């Protein structure tokens, strides 16, 4: 009788164990397939990513790596130790939110030293990189944010026609304001009608009080741009350039304005836009746009 009882108890325990482990999530289903890479000590391997690198982490001290100073989408990798025998790895996250993983082994004479990951994706060899989310973008996947920026820029529509600045042959205009998931997208354009290229040093976004009396202290709050597409650095003579800037959503009172200022490098042809609260509250929702997102 005791034997039967013990057998039943053991069977129940085994069933409970199997059920418990059976409910555990299968991590293999979310596995990120790594790239295979060979490195050596006397030569440097270069990886060219589609966009700028935001983060890189080496799995061990067997590797040394660095982002190229003048090419933020290029990663240099080489062996820090000669003839290491064990496999190691490293990971990279790019500004568009893509996650890349590499398993690395040592080879004294690798057949390939330079890899263009964008070309590999275009050729269909690999296009399964996983998306990560950045804190500053909130609930917006980087791929969606990138798609919105590019779509606004490429559609190049202007529905705001009363906000602009013009002097010294330079014209700075606001073409539109868009809103989505707690973010504003400002579409601006600089036109250079002079014979001298317009070199842009930096641009600021500030919430300031409207003109107040001399004895009243003016308050201002600076906003930090989160993304910009494309980077606007120079506007050649007799030409124009536009871009889209992403900032956190904010509100103003009717006694305040948003001041967007663009400053010329080594020059004084600075331009300022003044945007009223009524312009902000009438921002166009991004949901009205047809946007294709590559997840």
C-alpha atoms as a PDB file:
ATOM      1  CA  UNK A   1       0.000   0.000   0.000  1.00  0.00           C
ATOM      2  CA  UNK A   2       2.848   2.358   0.935  1.00  0.00           C
ATOM      3  CA  UNK A   3       4.537   1.553  -2.362  1.00  0.00           C
ATOM      4  CA  UNK A   4       1.431   2.557  -4.307  1.00  0.00           C
ATOM      5  CA  UNK A   5       1.024   5.711  -2.224  1.00  0.00           C
ATOM      6  CA  UNK A   6       4.660   6.731  -2.766  1.00  0.00           C
ATOM      7  CA  UNK A   7       4.336   6.040  -6.484  1.00  0.00           C
ATOM      8  CA  UNK A   8       1.289   8.314  -6.716  1.00  0.00           C
ATOM      9  CA  UNK A   9       3.085  11.108  -4.811  1.00  0.00           C
ATOM     10  CA  UNK A  10       6.124  10.856  -7.076  1.00  0.00           C
ATOM     11  CA  UNK A  11       3.913  10.944 -10.180  1.00  0.00           C
ATOM     12  CA  UNK A  12       2.110  14.050  -8.909  1.00  0.00           C
ATOM     13  CA  UNK A  13       5.419  15.772  -8.148  1.00  0.00           C
ATOM     14  CA  UNK A  14       6.795  14.933 -11.599  1.00  0.00           C
ATOM     15  CA  UNK A  15       3.639  16.267 -13.214  1.00  0.00           C
ATOM     16  CA  UNK A  16       3.937  19.499 -11.245  1.00  0.00           C
ATOM     17  CA  UNK A  17       7.591  19.910 -12.221  1.00  0.00           C
ATOM     18  CA  UNK A  18       6.870  19.281 -15.890  1.00  0.00           C
ATOM     19  CA  UNK A  19       3.951  21.712 -15.837  1.00  0.00           C
ATOM     20  CA  UNK A  20       6.032  24.395 -14.089  1.00  0.00           C
ATOM     21  CA  UNK A  21       8.928  24.156 -16.518  1.00  0.00           C
ATOM     22  CA  UNK A  22       6.555  23.885 -19.433  1.00  0.00           C
ATOM     23  CA  UNK A  23       5.162  27.303 -18.574  1.00  0.00           C
ATOM     24  CA  UNK A  24       8.557  28.979 -18.727  1.00  0.00           C
ATOM     25  CA  UNK A  25       8.960  31.287 -21.749  1.00  0.00           C
ATOM     26  CA  UNK A  26      10.936  29.831 -24.628  1.00  0.00           C
ATOM     27  CA  UNK A  27      13.823  32.284 -25.088  1.00  0.00           C
ATOM     28  CA  UNK A  28      14.805  30.608 -28.335  1.00  0.00           C
ATOM     29  CA  UNK A  29      11.750  32.171 -29.957  1.00  0.00           C
ATOM     30  CA  UNK A  30      13.237  35.618 -29.325  1.00  0.00           C
ATOM     31  CA  UNK A  31      16.791  34.690 -30.229  1.00  0.00           C
ATOM     32  CA  UNK A  32      18.789  37.362 -32.058  1.00  0.00           C
ATOM     33  CA  UNK A  33      20.770  35.621 -34.770  1.00  0.00           C
ATOM     34  CA  UNK A  34      24.389  36.844 -34.572  1.00  0.00           C
ATOM     35  CA  UNK A  35      26.677  37.759 -37.421  1.00  0.00           C
ATOM     36  CA  UNK A  36      29.863  35.679 -37.676  1.00  0.00           C
ATOM     37  CA  UNK A  37      33.078  37.682 -37.781  1.00  0.00           C
ATOM     38  CA  UNK A  38      36.781  36.889 -37.985  1.00  0.00           C
ATOM     39  CA  UNK A  39      39.401  39.317 -36.670  1.00  0.00           C
ATOM     40  CA  UNK A  40      43.179  39.379 -36.474  1.00  0.00           C
ATOM     41  CA  UNK A  41      45.850  41.216 -34.503  1.00  0.00           C
ATOM     42  CA  UNK A  42      47.820  42.922 -37.276  1.00  0.00           C
ATOM     43  CA  UNK A  43      44.902  44.185 -39.369  1.00  0.00           C
ATOM     44  CA  UNK A  44      41.767  46.206 -38.611  1.00  0.00           C
ATOM     45  CA  UNK A  45      38.269  45.123 -39.593  1.00  0.00           C
ATOM     46  CA  UNK A  46      35.786  47.877 -40.489  1.00  0.00           C
ATOM     47  CA  UNK A  47      32.011  47.538 -40.196  1.00  0.00           C
ATOM     48  CA  UNK A  48      29.956  50.144 -42.064  1.00  0.00           C
ATOM     49  CA  UNK A  49      26.468  50.526 -40.548  1.00  0.00           C
ATOM     50  CA  UNK A  50      23.502  52.168 -42.316  1.00  0.00           C
ATOM     51  CA  UNK A  51      23.355  55.014 -39.762  1.00  0.00           C
ATOM     52  CA  UNK A  52      25.400  56.434 -36.883  1.00  0.00           C
ATOM     53  CA  UNK A  53      26.363  54.168 -33.978  1.00  0.00           C
ATOM     54  CA  UNK A  54      24.849  55.044 -30.615  1.00  0.00           C
ATOM     55  CA  UNK A  55      26.207  52.254 -28.417  1.00  0.00           C
ATOM     56  CA  UNK A  56      28.795  49.467 -28.650  1.00  0.00           C
ATOM     57  CA  UNK A  57      29.742  46.868 -26.054  1.00  0.00           C
ATOM     58  CA  UNK A  58      32.621  44.363 -26.256  1.00  0.00           C
ATOM     59  CA  UNK A  59      32.147  40.928 -24.745  1.00  0.00           C
ATOM     60  CA  UNK A  60      35.714  40.626 -23.497  1.00  0.00           C
ATOM     61  CA  UNK A  61      39.161  42.195 -23.429  1.00  0.00           C
ATOM     62  CA  UNK A  62      40.168  39.990 -26.339  1.00  0.00           C
ATOM     63  CA  UNK A  63      38.833  42.700 -28.664  1.00  0.00           C
ATOM     64  CA  UNK A  64      39.499  46.390 -29.143  1.00  0.00           C
ATOM     65  CA  UNK A  65      37.100  48.646 -31.016  1.00  0.00           C
ATOM     66  CA  UNK A  66      36.290  52.280 -31.669  1.00  0.00           C
ATOM     67  CA  UNK A  67      33.948  54.476 -33.676  1.00  0.00           C
ATOM     68  CA  UNK A  68      35.646  56.373 -36.495  1.00  0.00           C
ATOM     69  CA  UNK A  69      35.919  60.034 -35.484  1.00  0.00           C
ATOM     70  CA  UNK A  70      34.757  61.534 -38.776  1.00  0.00           C
ATOM     71  CA  UNK A  71      32.404  58.698 -39.742  1.00  0.00           C
ATOM     72  CA  UNK A  72      30.047  57.873 -36.890  1.00  0.00           C
ATOM     73  CA  UNK A  73      28.580  54.881 -38.734  1.00  0.00           C
ATOM     74  CA  UNK A  74      31.906  53.052 -39.012  1.00  0.00           C
ATOM     75  CA  UNK A  75      33.197  50.716 -36.275  1.00  0.00           C
ATOM     76  CA  UNK A  76      36.842  49.610 -36.180  1.00  0.00           C
ATOM     77  CA  UNK A  77      37.442  46.175 -34.634  1.00  0.00           C
ATOM     78  CA  UNK A  78      40.617  44.120 -34.150  1.00  0.00           C
ATOM     79  CA  UNK A  79      42.049  41.488 -31.832  1.00  0.00           C
ATOM     80  CA  UNK A  80      43.681  42.890 -28.696  1.00  0.00           C
ATOM     81  CA  UNK A  81      45.366  39.539 -28.014  1.00  0.00           C
ATOM     82  CA  UNK A  82      47.205  37.400 -30.566  1.00  0.00           C
ATOM     83  CA  UNK A  83      45.883  33.932 -31.397  1.00  0.00           C
ATOM     84  CA  UNK A  84      43.063  33.835 -28.843  1.00  0.00           C
ATOM     85  CA  UNK A  85      41.259  30.497 -29.033  1.00  0.00           C
ATOM     86  CA  UNK A  86      37.884  31.097 -27.389  1.00  0.00           C
ATOM     87  CA  UNK A  87      34.918  32.722 -29.113  1.00  0.00           C
ATOM     88  CA  UNK A  88      33.871  36.181 -27.960  1.00  0.00           C
ATOM     89  CA  UNK A  89      31.240  38.692 -29.041  1.00  0.00           C
ATOM     90  CA  UNK A  90      30.174  42.336 -29.208  1.00  0.00           C
ATOM     91  CA  UNK A  91      26.910  44.241 -29.721  1.00  0.00           C
ATOM     92  CA  UNK A  92      26.010  47.484 -31.472  1.00  0.00           C
ATOM     93  CA  UNK A  93      22.916  49.727 -31.334  1.00  0.00           C
ATOM     94  CA  UNK A  94      22.519  52.337 -34.063  1.00  0.00           C
ATOM     95  CA  UNK A  95      20.632  55.647 -33.970  1.00  0.00           C
ATOM     96  CA  UNK A  96      17.675  54.171 -35.859  1.00  0.00           C
ATOM     97  CA  UNK A  97      17.125  51.723 -32.987  1.00  0.00           C
ATOM     98  CA  UNK A  98      18.556  48.627 -34.688  1.00  0.00           C
ATOM     99  CA  UNK A  99      20.358  46.027 -32.563  1.00  0.00           C
ATOM    100  CA  UNK A 100      23.264  44.036 -34.044  1.00  0.00           C
ATOM    101  CA  UNK A 101      25.070  41.116 -32.425  1.00  0.00           C
ATOM    102  CA  UNK A 102      28.393  39.599 -33.555  1.00  0.00           C
ATOM    103  CA  UNK A 103      30.128  36.348 -32.574  1.00  0.00           C
ATOM    104  CA  UNK A 104      33.866  36.692 -33.122  1.00  0.00           C
ATOM    105  CA  UNK A 105      36.716  34.224 -33.600  1.00  0.00           C
ATOM    106  CA  UNK A 106      40.392  34.737 -34.309  1.00  0.00           C
ATOM    107  CA  UNK A 107      41.882  34.166 -37.745  1.00  0.00           C
ATOM    108  CA  UNK A 108      45.468  35.131 -38.514  1.00  0.00           C
ATOM    109  CA  UNK A 109      44.534  35.939 -42.105  1.00  0.00           C
ATOM    110  CA  UNK A 110      40.791  36.746 -42.558  1.00  0.00           C
ATOM    111  CA  UNK A 111      39.504  36.651 -46.127  1.00  0.00           C
ATOM    112  CA  UNK A 112      37.383  39.802 -45.577  1.00  0.00           C
ATOM    113  CA  UNK A 113      38.268  42.893 -43.558  1.00  0.00           C
ATOM    114  CA  UNK A 114      35.534  45.372 -44.531  1.00  0.00           C
ATOM    115  CA  UNK A 115      31.771  44.829 -44.322  1.00  0.00           C
ATOM    116  CA  UNK A 116      28.956  47.076 -45.572  1.00  0.00           C
ATOM    117  CA  UNK A 117      25.896  46.095 -43.516  1.00  0.00           C
ATOM    118  CA  UNK A 118      23.585  48.412 -45.449  1.00  0.00           C
ATOM    119  CA  UNK A 119      24.495  46.661 -48.714  1.00  0.00           C
ATOM    120  CA  UNK A 120      23.963  43.284 -47.058  1.00  0.00           C
ATOM    121  CA  UNK A 121      20.468  44.360 -46.008  1.00  0.00           C
ATOM    122  CA  UNK A 122      19.646  45.726 -49.450  1.00  0.00           C
ATOM    123  CA  UNK A 123      20.833  42.485 -51.072  1.00  0.00           C
ATOM    124  CA  UNK A 124      18.568  40.530 -48.731  1.00  0.00           C
ATOM    125  CA  UNK A 125      21.406  38.690 -46.999  1.00  0.00           C
ATOM    126  CA  UNK A 126      20.304  39.981 -43.592  1.00  0.00           C
ATOM    127  CA  UNK A 127      17.378  42.202 -42.649  1.00  0.00           C
ATOM    128  CA  UNK A 128      16.213  40.913 -39.290  1.00  0.00           C
ATOM    129  CA  UNK A 129      17.845  43.331 -36.851  1.00  0.00           C
ATOM    130  CA  UNK A 130      15.723  43.912 -33.743  1.00  0.00           C
ATOM    131  CA  UNK A 131      14.406  47.283 -32.660  1.00  0.00           C
ATOM    132  CA  UNK A 132      15.204  48.847 -29.297  1.00  0.00           C
ATOM    133  CA  UNK A 133      13.535  51.881 -27.735  1.00  0.00           C
ATOM    134  CA  UNK A 134      15.331  55.032 -26.590  1.00  0.00           C
ATOM    135  CA  UNK A 135      14.240  56.824 -23.439  1.00  0.00           C
ATOM    136  CA  UNK A 136      14.086  60.259 -25.070  1.00  0.00           C
ATOM    137  CA  UNK A 137      11.684  58.992 -27.758  1.00  0.00           C
ATOM    138  CA  UNK A 138       9.141  57.774 -25.202  1.00  0.00           C
ATOM    139  CA  UNK A 139       6.740  55.248 -26.688  1.00  0.00           C
ATOM    140  CA  UNK A 140       7.838  55.930 -30.271  1.00  0.00           C
ATOM    141  CA  UNK A 141       9.964  53.189 -31.873  1.00  0.00           C
ATOM    142  CA  UNK A 142      13.070  54.729 -33.504  1.00  0.00           C
ATOM    143  CA  UNK A 143      12.006  53.236 -36.839  1.00  0.00           C
ATOM    144  CA  UNK A 144       8.689  55.120 -36.658  1.00  0.00           C
ATOM    145  CA  UNK A 145      10.373  58.366 -35.612  1.00  0.00           C
ATOM    146  CA  UNK A 146      12.818  58.062 -38.509  1.00  0.00           C
ATOM    147  CA  UNK A 147       9.958  57.333 -40.930  1.00  0.00           C
ATOM    148  CA  UNK A 148       7.995  60.402 -39.758  1.00  0.00           C
ATOM    149  CA  UNK A 149      11.016  62.691 -40.096  1.00  0.00           C
ATOM    150  CA  UNK A 150      11.789  61.417 -43.599  1.00  0.00           C
ATOM    151  CA  UNK A 151       8.166  61.528 -44.755  1.00  0.00           C
ATOM    152  CA  UNK A 152       7.670  65.150 -43.675  1.00  0.00           C
ATOM    153  CA  UNK A 153      10.941  66.100 -45.346  1.00  0.00           C
ATOM    154  CA  UNK A 154      10.257  64.234 -48.585  1.00  0.00           C
ATOM    155  CA  UNK A 155       6.641  65.376 -48.945  1.00  0.00           C
ATOM    156  CA  UNK A 156       7.940  68.928 -48.448  1.00  0.00           C
ATOM    157  CA  UNK A 157       4.542  70.543 -47.927  1.00  0.00           C
ATOM    158  CA  UNK A 158       4.049  74.042 -46.594  1.00  0.00           C
ATOM    159  CA  UNK A 159       0.831  74.850 -44.788  1.00  0.00           C
ATOM    160  CA  UNK A 160       2.172  77.606 -42.503  1.00  0.00           C
ATOM    161  CA  UNK A 161       2.832  80.770 -44.514  1.00  0.00           C
ATOM    162  CA  UNK A 162       2.885  83.541 -41.945  1.00  0.00           C
ATOM    163  CA  UNK A 163       6.029  82.640 -39.928  1.00  0.00           C
ATOM    164  CA  UNK A 164       9.354  83.692 -41.381  1.00  0.00           C
ATOM    165  CA  UNK A 165      12.456  85.850 -41.139  1.00  0.00           C
ATOM    166  CA  UNK A 166      14.412  87.580 -43.898  1.00  0.00           C
ATOM    167  CA  UNK A 167      17.582  89.693 -43.912  1.00  0.00           C
ATOM    168  CA  UNK A 168      20.990  89.900 -45.609  1.00  0.00           C
ATOM    169  CA  UNK A 169      19.805  87.710 -48.471  1.00  0.00           C
ATOM    170  CA  UNK A 170      18.851  84.866 -46.090  1.00  0.00           C
ATOM    171  CA  UNK A 171      15.261  83.732 -45.562  1.00  0.00           C
ATOM    172  CA  UNK A 172      14.232  81.362 -42.750  1.00  0.00           C
ATOM    173  CA  UNK A 173      10.676  79.985 -42.834  1.00  0.00           C
ATOM    174  CA  UNK A 174       8.483  77.581 -40.887  1.00  0.00           C
ATOM    175  CA  UNK A 175       6.701  75.237 -43.296  1.00  0.00           C
ATOM    176  CA  UNK A 176       4.717  73.142 -40.829  1.00  0.00           C
ATOM    177  CA  UNK A 177       4.291  71.718 -37.331  1.00  0.00           C
ATOM    178  CA  UNK A 178       3.271  68.091 -36.777  1.00  0.00           C
ATOM    179  CA  UNK A 179       2.445  66.198 -33.573  1.00  0.00           C
ATOM    180  CA  UNK A 180       2.511  62.515 -32.612  1.00  0.00           C
ATOM    181  CA  UNK A 181       2.779  60.549 -29.348  1.00  0.00           C
ATOM    182  CA  UNK A 182       4.011  63.440 -27.235  1.00  0.00           C
ATOM    183  CA  UNK A 183       6.452  64.841 -29.805  1.00  0.00           C
ATOM    184  CA  UNK A 184       6.464  67.902 -32.080  1.00  0.00           C
ATOM    185  CA  UNK A 185       8.027  67.852 -35.556  1.00  0.00           C
ATOM    186  CA  UNK A 186       9.094  71.291 -36.863  1.00  0.00           C
ATOM    187  CA  UNK A 187       9.612  71.560 -40.625  1.00  0.00           C
ATOM    188  CA  UNK A 188      11.818  74.547 -41.527  1.00  0.00           C
ATOM    189  CA  UNK A 189      13.687  75.818 -44.568  1.00  0.00           C
ATOM    190  CA  UNK A 190      16.574  78.222 -45.148  1.00  0.00           C
ATOM    191  CA  UNK A 191      16.836  80.020 -48.508  1.00  0.00           C
ATOM    192  CA  UNK A 192      20.104  81.673 -49.447  1.00  0.00           C
ATOM    193  CA  UNK A 193      19.630  84.301 -52.159  1.00  0.00           C
ATOM    194  CA  UNK A 194      23.096  85.767 -51.682  1.00  0.00           C
ATOM    195  CA  UNK A 195      26.387  84.916 -53.384  1.00  0.00           C
ATOM    196  CA  UNK A 196      27.962  83.799 -50.085  1.00  0.00           C
ATOM    197  CA  UNK A 197      27.373  80.288 -48.651  1.00  0.00           C
ATOM    198  CA  UNK A 198      25.465  80.259 -45.359  1.00  0.00           C
ATOM    199  CA  UNK A 199      27.318  78.125 -42.795  1.00  0.00           C
ATOM    200  CA  UNK A 200      25.090  77.105 -39.896  1.00  0.00           C
ATOM    201  CA  UNK A 201      26.732  77.023 -36.488  1.00  0.00           C
ATOM    202  CA  UNK A 202      23.793  75.939 -34.306  1.00  0.00           C
ATOM    203  CA  UNK A 203      20.051  76.300 -33.793  1.00  0.00           C
ATOM    204  CA  UNK A 204      18.099  76.949 -30.580  1.00  0.00           C
ATOM    205  CA  UNK A 205      14.490  76.429 -29.468  1.00  0.00           C
ATOM    206  CA  UNK A 206      13.354  78.665 -26.592  1.00  0.00           C
ATOM    207  CA  UNK A 207      10.024  79.449 -24.964  1.00  0.00           C
ATOM    208  CA  UNK A 208      10.136  83.133 -24.020  1.00  0.00           C
ATOM    209  CA  UNK A 209       7.757  85.758 -22.733  1.00  0.00           C
ATOM    210  CA  UNK A 210       6.365  88.241 -25.181  1.00  0.00           C
ATOM    211  CA  UNK A 211       7.657  91.794 -24.889  1.00  0.00           C
ATOM    212  CA  UNK A 212       7.318  92.946 -21.308  1.00  0.00           C
ATOM    213  CA  UNK A 213       7.978  96.169 -19.454  1.00  0.00           C
ATOM    214  CA  UNK A 214      11.507  97.225 -18.623  1.00  0.00           C
ATOM    215  CA  UNK A 215      11.031  96.426 -14.931  1.00  0.00           C
ATOM    216  CA  UNK A 216       9.673  92.929 -15.579  1.00  0.00           C
ATOM    217  CA  UNK A 217      12.070  90.001 -15.635  1.00  0.00           C
ATOM    218  CA  UNK A 218      11.679  87.920 -18.793  1.00  0.00           C
ATOM    219  CA  UNK A 219      11.478  84.152 -18.335  1.00  0.00           C
ATOM    220  CA  UNK A 220      12.777  81.671 -20.894  1.00  0.00           C
ATOM    221  CA  UNK A 221      12.990  77.896 -21.208  1.00  0.00           C
ATOM    222  CA  UNK A 222      15.316  76.162 -23.639  1.00  0.00           C
ATOM    223  CA  UNK A 223      14.131  73.023 -25.433  1.00  0.00           C
ATOM    224  CA  UNK A 224      16.492  70.248 -26.501  1.00  0.00           C
ATOM    225  CA  UNK A 225      16.119  68.876 -30.044  1.00  0.00           C
ATOM    226  CA  UNK A 226      15.950  65.062 -29.965  1.00  0.00           C
ATOM    227  CA  UNK A 227      16.411  64.344 -33.652  1.00  0.00           C
ATOM    228  CA  UNK A 228      17.087  66.247 -36.864  1.00  0.00           C
ATOM    229  CA  UNK A 229      16.701  65.078 -40.455  1.00  0.00           C
ATOM    230  CA  UNK A 230      18.730  65.792 -42.420  1.00  0.00           C
ATOM    231  CA  UNK A 231      21.534  67.624 -40.652  1.00  0.00           C
ATOM    232  CA  UNK A 232      21.605  71.181 -41.973  1.00  0.00           C
ATOM    233  CA  UNK A 233      25.165  72.485 -41.951  1.00  0.00           C
ATOM    234  CA  UNK A 234      25.548  74.657 -45.042  1.00  0.00           C
ATOM    235  CA  UNK A 235      23.243  76.332 -47.529  1.00  0.00           C
ATOM    236  CA  UNK A 236      25.149  77.072 -50.717  1.00  0.00           C
ATOM    237  CA  UNK A 237      24.811  80.407 -52.507  1.00  0.00           C
ATOM    238  CA  UNK A 238      21.618  80.797 -54.538  1.00  0.00           C
ATOM    239  CA  UNK A 239      20.106  77.626 -53.081  1.00  0.00           C
ATOM    240  CA  UNK A 240      17.896  76.363 -50.269  1.00  0.00           C
ATOM    241  CA  UNK A 241      17.855  73.552 -47.689  1.00  0.00           C
ATOM    242  CA  UNK A 242      15.139  72.173 -45.424  1.00  0.00           C
ATOM    243  CA  UNK A 243      15.032  69.872 -42.434  1.00  0.00           C
ATOM    244  CA  UNK A 244      12.724  68.481 -39.748  1.00  0.00           C
ATOM    245  CA  UNK A 245      13.490  68.785 -36.028  1.00  0.00           C
ATOM    246  CA  UNK A 246      11.951  66.632 -33.289  1.00  0.00           C
ATOM    247  CA  UNK A 247      11.329  68.006 -29.769  1.00  0.00           C
ATOM    248  CA  UNK A 248       9.282  66.910 -26.771  1.00  0.00           C
ATOM    249  CA  UNK A 249       5.691  68.105 -26.786  1.00  0.00           C
ATOM    250  CA  UNK A 250       5.102  71.232 -24.696  1.00  0.00           C
ATOM    251  CA  UNK A 251       2.502  73.929 -24.147  1.00  0.00           C
ATOM    252  CA  UNK A 252       2.629  77.712 -23.858  1.00  0.00           C
ATOM    253  CA  UNK A 253       0.354  80.475 -22.657  1.00  0.00           C
ATOM    254  CA  UNK A 254      -0.872  83.222 -24.952  1.00  0.00           C
ATOM    255  CA  UNK A 255       1.704  85.484 -23.293  1.00  0.00           C
ATOM    256  CA  UNK A 256       4.577  83.332 -24.546  1.00  0.00           C
ATOM    257  CA  UNK A 257       6.119  82.504 -27.904  1.00  0.00           C
ATOM    258  CA  UNK A 258       8.441  79.818 -29.202  1.00  0.00           C
ATOM    259  CA  UNK A 259      11.576  81.369 -30.639  1.00  0.00           C
ATOM    260  CA  UNK A 260      13.596  79.266 -33.116  1.00  0.00           C
ATOM    261  CA  UNK A 261      16.938  80.876 -33.903  1.00  0.00           C
ATOM    262  CA  UNK A 262      19.557  79.774 -36.406  1.00  0.00           C
ATOM    263  CA  UNK A 263      23.065  81.213 -36.040  1.00  0.00           C
ATOM    264  CA  UNK A 264      25.638  81.650 -38.787  1.00  0.00           C
ATOM    265  CA  UNK A 265      29.133  80.331 -38.195  1.00  0.00           C
ATOM    266  CA  UNK A 266      31.682  83.162 -38.165  1.00  0.00           C
ATOM    267  CA  UNK A 267      28.979  85.558 -39.330  1.00  0.00           C
ATOM    268  CA  UNK A 268      26.094  87.751 -38.271  1.00  0.00           C
ATOM    269  CA  UNK A 269      23.260  86.758 -40.618  1.00  0.00           C
ATOM    270  CA  UNK A 270      21.331  85.135 -37.788  1.00  0.00           C
ATOM    271  CA  UNK A 271      17.618  84.444 -38.287  1.00  0.00           C
ATOM    272  CA  UNK A 272      14.768  84.099 -35.767  1.00  0.00           C
ATOM    273  CA  UNK A 273      11.266  82.637 -36.045  1.00  0.00           C
ATOM    274  CA  UNK A 274       8.557  83.542 -33.538  1.00  0.00           C
ATOM    275  CA  UNK A 275       5.758  80.995 -33.185  1.00  0.00           C
ATOM    276  CA  UNK A 276       2.513  81.701 -31.362  1.00  0.00           C
ATOM    277  CA  UNK A 277       0.563  79.298 -29.158  1.00  0.00           C
ATOM    278  CA  UNK A 278      -2.194  79.240 -31.796  1.00  0.00           C
ATOM    279  CA  UNK A 279       0.285  77.713 -34.264  1.00  0.00           C
ATOM    280  CA  UNK A 280       1.156  74.929 -31.830  1.00  0.00           C
ATOM    281  CA  UNK A 281      -2.407  73.931 -30.979  1.00  0.00           C
ATOM    282  CA  UNK A 282      -3.176  73.713 -34.702  1.00  0.00           C
ATOM    283  CA  UNK A 283      -0.294  71.307 -35.378  1.00  0.00           C
ATOM    284  CA  UNK A 284      -1.216  68.596 -37.875  1.00  0.00           C
ATOM    285  CA  UNK A 285      -1.467  65.042 -36.500  1.00  0.00           C
ATOM    286  CA  UNK A 286       0.999  62.593 -38.006  1.00  0.00           C
ATOM    287  CA  UNK A 287      -1.802  60.006 -38.155  1.00  0.00           C
ATOM    288  CA  UNK A 288      -3.126  61.834 -41.234  1.00  0.00           C
ATOM    289  CA  UNK A 289       0.075  61.046 -43.132  1.00  0.00           C
ATOM    290  CA  UNK A 290       0.679  57.828 -45.042  1.00  0.00           C
ATOM    291  CA  UNK A 291       3.879  56.532 -43.505  1.00  0.00           C
ATOM    292  CA  UNK A 292       5.688  53.303 -44.345  1.00  0.00           C
ATOM    293  CA  UNK A 293       7.708  51.930 -41.447  1.00  0.00           C
ATOM    294  CA  UNK A 294      10.425  49.294 -41.857  1.00  0.00           C
ATOM    295  CA  UNK A 295      10.270  47.337 -38.606  1.00  0.00           C
END
